[in-house]
Amino acid sequence: YLSIISILFFSFLFVSCSKEDEGDTIKPVIDLLEPEEGAILRIGSSHGVHFEMNLHDNEAIASYKINIHNNFDGHSHTRASEAGITNVHNHDIKIPADATPGNYHLMVYCLDQSGNETYVVRNIVLSVEGGEEGEHHHDEHHHD
């Protein structure tokens, strides 16, 4: 499946590249806070998706990647455990206006400096109406 959105963020915490501990087999841990499980994201919204997570590793985080792909066939992914330290807050993820409404998986991959990778999966829904921005303005200004 081709990803409609694939964003790669590199190198926000590097320690000395010459220090390589071959004994590090501990994977980083991702605590994905937003969007929540089952969140409805609006297609073509001018506002970015509210994305927030905590990342934790016994050494240092090298990079993380966000991927959103459709789940029209109902496939699944294994989840990682959650707990965390380093906070990532992002509003730059936009859902393209030509995206097909339906069920999607939002996946976050995290790589530490020793090459250990983990990921988490969140089930989300892309919709042409509603959505997390919640632009529901009720104009009840009738004063008879």
Protein backbone atom coordinates (compact mmCIF):
# COMPACT_ATOMS: atom_id res chain seq x y z
CA TYR A 1 0.00 0.00 0.00
CA LEU A 2 1.25 3.44 -0.87
CA SER A 3 1.29 5.85 2.00
CA ILE A 4 -0.68 9.05 1.50
CA ILE A 5 1.44 10.73 4.13
CA SER A 6 4.99 9.91 5.11
CA ILE A 7 6.99 12.35 7.19
CA LEU A 8 10.53 11.71 8.37
CA PHE A 9 12.17 13.71 11.15
CA PHE A 10 15.90 13.24 11.68
CA SER A 11 18.42 13.81 14.37
CA PHE A 12 16.94 15.66 17.29
CA LEU A 13 19.15 13.95 19.86
CA PHE A 14 22.56 12.67 18.87
CA VAL A 15 25.32 11.97 21.33
CA SER A 16 28.92 11.27 20.38
CA CYS A 17 28.90 9.23 17.16
CA SER A 18 32.24 7.64 18.07
CA LYS A 19 30.74 6.02 21.18
CA GLU A 20 28.97 2.88 20.03
CA ASP A 21 27.68 0.47 22.63
CA GLU A 22 27.17 -2.85 20.88
CA GLY A 23 25.44 -4.14 23.97
CA ASP A 24 22.38 -1.87 23.55
CA THR A 25 19.46 -4.01 22.44
CA ILE A 26 16.80 -1.99 24.25
CA LYS A 27 14.23 -0.55 21.88
CA PRO A 28 12.93 2.99 22.31
CA VAL A 29 9.42 3.38 23.73
CA ILE A 30 6.66 5.51 22.16
CA ASP A 31 3.78 6.98 24.14
CA LEU A 32 1.43 8.38 21.50
CA LEU A 33 -0.90 10.92 23.13
CA GLU A 34 -2.64 12.53 20.13
CA PRO A 35 -4.44 11.62 17.97
CA GLU A 36 -6.30 9.19 20.19
CA GLU A 37 -7.53 5.73 19.15
CA GLY A 38 -10.50 6.09 16.79
CA ALA A 39 -9.92 9.82 16.24
CA ILE A 40 -11.74 11.38 13.28
CA LEU A 41 -9.47 13.63 11.19
CA ARG A 42 -10.96 16.00 8.66
CA ILE A 43 -9.82 15.72 5.04
CA GLY A 44 -8.52 18.93 3.49
CA SER A 45 -8.56 20.93 6.73
CA SER A 46 -6.36 24.03 6.76
CA HIS A 47 -5.37 23.12 10.32
CA GLY A 48 -2.70 20.52 10.93
CA VAL A 49 -3.45 17.36 12.87
CA HIS A 50 -2.76 17.75 16.61
CA PHE A 51 0.06 15.26 17.07
CA GLU A 52 1.79 14.70 20.40
CA MET A 53 3.91 11.90 21.78
CA ASN A 54 6.61 11.09 24.33
CA LEU A 55 9.70 9.15 23.29
CA HIS A 56 12.03 7.35 25.68
CA ASP A 57 15.27 5.44 25.21
CA ASN A 58 18.06 4.28 27.50
CA GLU A 59 20.57 6.07 25.24
CA ALA A 60 19.33 8.63 22.74
CA ILE A 61 16.68 8.92 20.04
CA ALA A 62 18.11 9.17 16.52
CA SER A 63 14.97 9.74 14.46
CA TYR A 64 11.26 9.18 14.21
CA LYS A 65 8.86 8.73 11.30
CA ILE A 66 5.10 9.21 10.99
CA ASN A 67 3.19 7.19 8.41
CA ILE A 68 -0.53 7.14 7.59
CA HIS A 69 -1.94 4.46 5.30
CA ASN A 70 -5.40 3.08 4.59
CA ASN A 71 -6.88 0.14 6.45
CA PHE A 72 -9.62 -0.63 3.95
CA ASP A 73 -8.74 -4.34 4.11
CA GLY A 74 -8.88 -4.48 7.91
CA HIS A 75 -5.23 -5.50 8.45
CA SER A 76 -3.59 -5.05 11.84
CA HIS A 77 -0.21 -4.30 13.40
CA THR A 78 1.38 -5.34 16.69
CA ARG A 79 1.49 -2.63 19.35
CA ALA A 80 4.46 -1.61 21.46
CA SER A 81 4.31 -0.88 25.18
CA GLU A 82 3.84 2.74 26.19
CA ALA A 83 5.72 5.02 28.60
CA GLY A 84 7.89 7.98 27.81
CA ILE A 85 10.02 11.05 28.40
CA THR A 86 10.93 13.18 25.35
CA ASN A 87 7.91 15.19 24.20
CA VAL A 88 7.19 15.80 20.52
CA HIS A 89 4.44 18.25 19.56
CA ASN A 90 3.54 18.75 15.92
CA HIS A 91 0.80 20.57 14.01
CA ASP A 92 2.34 20.28 10.52
CA ILE A 93 0.65 17.06 9.42
CA LYS A 94 -2.03 17.91 6.85
CA ILE A 95 -4.61 15.49 5.41
CA PRO A 96 -4.69 16.02 1.60
CA ALA A 97 -8.00 17.27 0.19
CA ASP A 98 -8.08 14.36 -2.31
CA ALA A 99 -7.66 11.65 0.37
CA THR A 100 -10.25 8.88 0.32
CA PRO A 101 -12.51 8.85 3.43
CA GLY A 102 -12.35 5.71 5.53
CA ASN A 103 -10.35 3.80 8.11
CA TYR A 104 -6.61 4.43 8.31
CA HIS A 105 -3.63 3.45 10.43
CA LEU A 106 -1.36 6.14 11.82
CA MET A 107 2.00 4.56 12.56
CA VAL A 108 4.91 6.11 14.42
CA TYR A 109 8.35 4.56 14.11
CA CYS A 110 11.22 5.47 16.44
CA LEU A 111 14.90 4.63 15.96
CA ASP A 112 17.61 4.95 18.60
CA GLN A 113 21.28 5.59 17.91
CA SER A 114 22.12 1.88 18.14
CA GLY A 115 19.65 0.99 15.39
CA ASN A 116 16.90 -0.42 17.61
CA GLU A 117 13.49 0.43 16.17
CA THR A 118 9.97 0.20 17.53
CA TYR A 119 6.57 1.43 16.40
CA VAL A 120 3.03 2.03 17.58
CA VAL A 121 -0.21 1.99 15.62
CA ARG A 122 -3.34 4.07 16.06
CA ASN A 123 -6.63 3.43 14.26
CA ILE A 124 -8.00 6.71 12.86
CA VAL A 125 -10.77 7.74 10.48
CA LEU A 126 -10.47 10.28 7.68
CA SER A 127 -13.73 12.12 7.05
CA VAL A 128 -14.90 15.00 4.87
CA GLU A 129 -16.88 16.42 7.77
CA GLY A 130 -16.46 16.76 11.50
CA GLY A 131 -12.97 16.00 12.67
CA GLU A 132 -10.71 16.92 15.49
CA GLU A 133 -10.69 20.65 14.70
CA GLY A 134 -14.29 20.73 15.88
CA GLU A 135 -15.39 23.75 13.90
CA HIS A 136 -18.95 23.50 15.18
CA HIS A 137 -20.05 27.09 15.63
CA HIS A 138 -23.61 27.42 16.83
CA ASP A 139 -24.86 30.87 15.92
CA GLU A 140 -27.66 31.21 18.38
CA HIS A 141 -27.85 34.97 18.56
CA HIS A 142 -31.58 35.35 18.21
CA HIS A 143 -32.88 37.86 20.71
CA ASP A 144 -36.56 38.46 20.00
